[in-house]
Amino acid sequence: MIVSDILPAFQPAFWLWQEQVPNHSGLLDLILRASPIAKFVLLVLLVFSVASWAIIFTKARVTKLAQQQSAQFLQLFANSNRWADLHSGSGTLRENPLAAIFLAADAELKTQGRLNLEAVQRAMQSTAVDETTRLEKSLGWLASTASAAPFIGLFGTVVGIIIAFQGLSQATTSSIQAVAPGIAEALIATAAGIAAAVPAVLAYNHYVNLIKIMAAEMDSFMLRLLNFIEREAGQ
């Protein structure tokens, strides 16, 4: 018996198996077949996700530069014995909050006829608030994405399931095969919402904690700088 004689006997079983095996569509096919509302939800989530990743990468660059230059500025501060030495060495380290505080104190001292430490402290505190606000810029978008994206995705899923069951009610036969594709398409919105929210919430918590550490470092530096000014004035 040759192969050509065996194949016809297996052809009915092969076609029956092919009919029973579901046609697994790819993720892109599910998105393309989704309802207009689901596609709009996915587009909104894509905007949230792209904006969040842009903020994450921007904040990573800004905070890394601020940390590096702050460490260098603290080293310069520790090695400086005179105000003039500190001022001349800070020219290349202006991209950090500590240098901004120092420059605010220096500007206030230049306007004073007589040393007033309280005025210098107020000037430094005002600059510290401005620097903290600058570092916190755009973090609100990450918080909004983390809290809103899952609900936006859930909205798309609920609408998709409603549409799927409406189609099932109009179909001639009721089976899981009839409603499963619609539910699968609807669940993509929830998955997209979670995918947009998780990086946003992780990045938000990371940067909030990092900015708290930098704010504490600014407070400590202001006290040390006040002592430095007082020692400089007493010499």
Protein backbone atom coordinates (compact mmCIF):
# COMPACT_ATOMS: atom_id res chain seq x y z
CA MET A 1 0.00 0.00 0.00
CA ILE A 2 1.45 3.34 -1.05
CA VAL A 3 1.00 6.79 0.46
CA SER A 4 -1.45 7.90 -2.25
CA ASP A 5 -3.75 5.07 -1.22
CA ILE A 6 -3.61 5.99 2.49
CA LEU A 7 -4.24 9.77 2.23
CA PRO A 8 -7.86 9.56 0.98
CA ALA A 9 -8.79 7.53 4.03
CA PHE A 10 -7.50 10.28 6.38
CA GLN A 11 -8.95 13.25 4.48
CA PRO A 12 -12.42 13.22 6.14
CA ALA A 13 -10.87 13.08 9.61
CA PHE A 14 -8.44 15.91 8.70
CA TRP A 15 -11.21 18.22 7.50
CA LEU A 16 -13.30 17.42 10.58
CA TRP A 17 -10.32 18.30 12.84
CA GLN A 18 -9.69 21.52 10.91
CA GLU A 19 -13.29 22.61 11.44
CA GLN A 20 -13.10 21.90 15.18
CA VAL A 21 -9.83 23.79 15.76
CA PRO A 22 -10.57 27.50 16.24
CA ASN A 23 -8.93 30.04 14.00
CA HIS A 24 -6.66 31.93 16.37
CA SER A 25 -6.38 35.52 15.20
CA GLY A 26 -3.46 37.71 16.04
CA LEU A 27 -3.62 40.74 18.27
CA LEU A 28 -3.55 43.08 15.29
CA ASP A 29 -6.49 41.27 13.68
CA LEU A 30 -8.51 41.62 16.89
CA ILE A 31 -7.77 45.33 17.02
CA LEU A 32 -8.74 45.82 13.37
CA ARG A 33 -12.02 43.98 13.91
CA ALA A 34 -12.87 45.91 17.06
CA SER A 35 -15.82 48.29 17.17
CA PRO A 36 -15.28 52.02 16.47
CA ILE A 37 -15.75 52.80 20.16
CA ALA A 38 -13.11 50.22 21.13
CA LYS A 39 -10.72 51.64 18.53
CA PHE A 40 -11.27 55.14 19.91
CA VAL A 41 -10.56 53.88 23.44
CA LEU A 42 -7.37 52.19 22.24
CA LEU A 43 -6.31 55.41 20.51
CA VAL A 44 -6.85 57.40 23.71
CA LEU A 45 -4.84 54.85 25.69
CA LEU A 46 -2.08 54.99 23.08
CA VAL A 47 -1.87 58.77 23.51
CA PHE A 48 -1.70 58.36 27.29
CA SER A 49 0.99 55.70 26.98
CA VAL A 50 3.18 57.59 24.50
CA ALA A 51 2.98 60.80 26.56
CA SER A 52 3.79 58.87 29.75
CA TRP A 53 6.86 57.22 28.24
CA ALA A 54 8.06 60.58 26.91
CA ILE A 55 7.75 62.04 30.41
CA ILE A 56 9.49 59.02 31.95
CA PHE A 57 12.51 59.32 29.65
CA THR A 58 12.67 63.11 30.06
CA LYS A 59 12.49 62.85 33.85
CA ALA A 60 15.17 60.16 33.84
CA ARG A 61 17.54 62.47 31.99
CA VAL A 62 16.74 65.55 34.10
CA THR A 63 16.96 63.81 37.47
CA LYS A 64 20.14 61.95 36.57
CA LEU A 65 21.83 65.19 35.52
CA ALA A 66 20.60 66.96 38.66
CA GLN A 67 21.88 64.16 40.90
CA GLN A 68 25.28 64.03 39.25
CA GLN A 69 25.83 67.78 39.37
CA SER A 70 24.47 68.01 42.92
CA ALA A 71 27.03 65.45 44.04
CA GLN A 72 29.79 67.42 42.29
CA PHE A 73 28.55 70.68 43.80
CA LEU A 74 28.51 69.20 47.30
CA GLN A 75 32.07 68.03 46.76
CA LEU A 76 33.01 71.53 45.65
CA PHE A 77 31.25 72.99 48.67
CA ALA A 78 33.12 70.67 51.02
CA ASN A 79 36.47 71.64 49.49
CA SER A 80 35.85 75.41 49.42
CA ASN A 81 37.04 77.59 52.27
CA ARG A 82 36.02 80.95 50.81
CA TRP A 83 32.84 82.22 49.16
CA ALA A 84 34.80 83.36 46.10
CA ASP A 85 36.18 79.84 45.58
CA LEU A 86 32.68 78.38 45.74
CA HIS A 87 31.34 80.98 43.34
CA SER A 88 34.09 80.46 40.75
CA GLY A 89 33.81 76.68 40.85
CA SER A 90 30.03 76.59 40.43
CA GLY A 91 30.06 78.07 36.93
CA THR A 92 29.88 74.67 35.20
CA LEU A 93 27.44 73.09 37.67
CA ARG A 94 24.30 75.16 37.18
CA GLU A 95 21.94 72.35 36.15
CA ASN A 96 21.05 71.29 39.70
CA PRO A 97 18.92 72.63 42.56
CA LEU A 98 21.83 73.20 44.93
CA ALA A 99 23.58 75.53 42.51
CA ALA A 100 20.33 77.44 42.02
CA ILE A 101 20.01 77.86 45.80
CA PHE A 102 23.59 79.05 46.04
CA LEU A 103 23.10 81.58 43.24
CA ALA A 104 19.92 82.87 44.94
CA ALA A 105 21.86 83.38 48.16
CA ASP A 106 24.67 85.06 46.27
CA ALA A 107 22.26 87.43 44.52
CA GLU A 108 20.59 88.32 47.83
CA LEU A 109 23.93 88.99 49.51
CA LYS A 110 24.94 91.35 46.70
CA THR A 111 21.83 93.48 47.28
CA GLN A 112 22.38 93.79 51.03
CA GLY A 113 24.28 96.60 52.61
CA ARG A 114 24.34 94.75 55.90
CA LEU A 115 24.24 91.00 56.35
CA ASN A 116 20.70 89.72 56.93
CA LEU A 117 20.63 85.93 57.23
CA GLU A 118 16.83 85.78 57.44
CA ALA A 119 16.51 87.48 54.05
CA VAL A 120 19.09 85.12 52.60
CA GLN A 121 17.20 82.14 54.02
CA ARG A 122 13.93 83.36 52.52
CA ALA A 123 15.58 83.78 49.13
CA MET A 124 16.98 80.26 49.29
CA GLN A 125 13.66 78.75 50.41
CA SER A 126 11.85 80.49 47.56
CA THR A 127 14.36 79.05 45.08
CA ALA A 128 14.08 75.60 46.66
CA VAL A 129 10.31 75.68 46.16
CA ASP A 130 10.79 76.71 42.52
CA GLU A 131 13.31 73.93 41.94
CA THR A 132 11.05 71.33 43.55
CA THR A 133 8.17 72.50 41.39
CA ARG A 134 10.37 72.25 38.31
CA LEU A 135 11.36 68.69 39.18
CA GLU A 136 7.73 67.74 39.79
CA LYS A 137 6.59 69.15 36.45
CA SER A 138 4.55 66.66 34.38
CA LEU A 139 4.30 64.13 37.21
CA GLY A 140 0.60 64.92 37.35
CA TRP A 141 0.21 63.35 33.91
CA LEU A 142 1.77 60.12 35.16
CA ALA A 143 -0.60 60.11 38.13
CA SER A 144 -3.58 60.73 35.84
CA THR A 145 -2.50 57.94 33.51
CA ALA A 146 -2.02 55.53 36.40
CA SER A 147 -5.48 56.22 37.80
CA ALA A 148 -7.53 56.80 34.63
CA ALA A 149 -6.10 54.35 32.08
CA PRO A 150 -7.53 51.16 33.69
CA PHE A 151 -11.00 52.72 33.86
CA ILE A 152 -10.80 53.91 30.26
CA GLY A 153 -9.82 50.39 29.22
CA LEU A 154 -12.63 48.93 31.33
CA PHE A 155 -15.09 51.26 29.62
CA GLY A 156 -13.97 49.95 26.24
CA THR A 157 -14.33 46.37 27.45
CA VAL A 158 -17.84 46.91 28.80
CA VAL A 159 -18.97 48.55 25.57
CA GLY A 160 -17.39 45.72 23.54
CA ILE A 161 -19.11 43.04 25.62
CA ILE A 162 -22.44 44.83 25.24
CA ILE A 163 -21.98 44.89 21.47
CA ALA A 164 -20.98 41.20 21.47
CA PHE A 165 -24.09 40.14 23.38
CA GLN A 166 -26.30 42.29 21.18
CA GLY A 167 -24.89 40.45 18.18
CA LEU A 168 -25.50 37.14 19.94
CA SER A 169 -29.17 38.02 20.52
CA GLN A 170 -29.60 38.62 16.80
CA ALA A 171 -27.78 35.47 15.72
CA THR A 172 -29.67 32.37 14.63
CA THR A 173 -27.59 30.09 16.84
CA SER A 174 -26.38 30.80 20.37
CA SER A 175 -22.99 29.32 21.26
CA ILE A 176 -19.74 30.32 22.88
CA GLN A 177 -18.11 30.33 19.44
CA ALA A 178 -20.46 33.12 18.39
CA VAL A 179 -19.74 35.44 21.31
CA ALA A 180 -16.09 34.57 22.04
CA PRO A 181 -14.52 36.73 19.27
CA GLY A 182 -16.42 39.81 20.44
CA ILE A 183 -15.39 39.27 24.06
CA ALA A 184 -11.77 38.75 23.01
CA GLU A 185 -11.84 42.02 21.08
CA ALA A 186 -13.41 43.79 24.06
CA LEU A 187 -10.80 42.52 26.54
CA ILE A 188 -8.01 44.12 24.51
CA ALA A 189 -9.11 47.52 25.86
CA THR A 190 -8.64 46.38 29.47
CA ALA A 191 -5.23 44.92 28.65
CA ALA A 192 -4.22 48.18 26.95
CA GLY A 193 -5.40 50.19 29.97
CA ILE A 194 -3.33 48.08 32.35
CA ALA A 195 -0.31 48.26 30.02
CA ALA A 196 -0.52 52.06 30.03
CA ALA A 197 -1.11 52.37 33.79
CA VAL A 198 1.58 50.07 35.20
CA PRO A 199 4.66 51.93 33.86
CA ALA A 200 3.04 55.25 34.79
CA VAL A 201 2.39 54.31 38.42
CA LEU A 202 5.84 52.75 38.84
CA ALA A 203 7.56 55.80 37.36
CA TYR A 204 5.40 58.20 39.38
CA ASN A 205 6.25 56.50 42.68
CA HIS A 206 9.92 56.36 41.74
CA TYR A 207 10.21 60.04 40.84
CA VAL A 208 8.12 61.24 43.78
CA ASN A 209 10.42 59.37 46.15
CA LEU A 210 13.49 60.68 44.32
CA ILE A 211 12.28 64.28 44.48
CA LYS A 212 11.58 63.91 48.21
CA ILE A 213 15.19 62.85 48.72
CA MET A 214 16.42 65.79 46.64
CA ALA A 215 14.16 68.20 48.58
CA ALA A 216 15.63 66.93 51.87
CA GLU A 217 19.09 67.41 50.40
CA MET A 218 18.18 71.00 49.51
CA ASP A 219 17.00 71.70 53.07
CA SER A 220 20.22 70.31 54.48
CA PHE A 221 22.31 72.31 52.03
CA MET A 222 20.53 75.56 52.93
CA LEU A 223 21.43 75.13 56.60
CA ARG A 224 25.03 74.33 55.77
CA LEU A 225 25.20 77.31 53.40
CA LEU A 226 23.86 79.64 56.10
CA ASN A 227 26.62 78.44 58.42
CA PHE A 228 29.13 79.01 55.64
CA ILE A 229 27.88 82.59 55.11
CA GLU A 230 28.01 83.28 58.83
CA ARG A 231 31.58 82.01 59.08
CA GLU A 232 32.55 84.01 56.00
CA ALA A 233 31.07 87.17 57.51
CA GLY A 234 32.90 86.63 60.80
CA GLN A 235 36.31 86.44 59.18
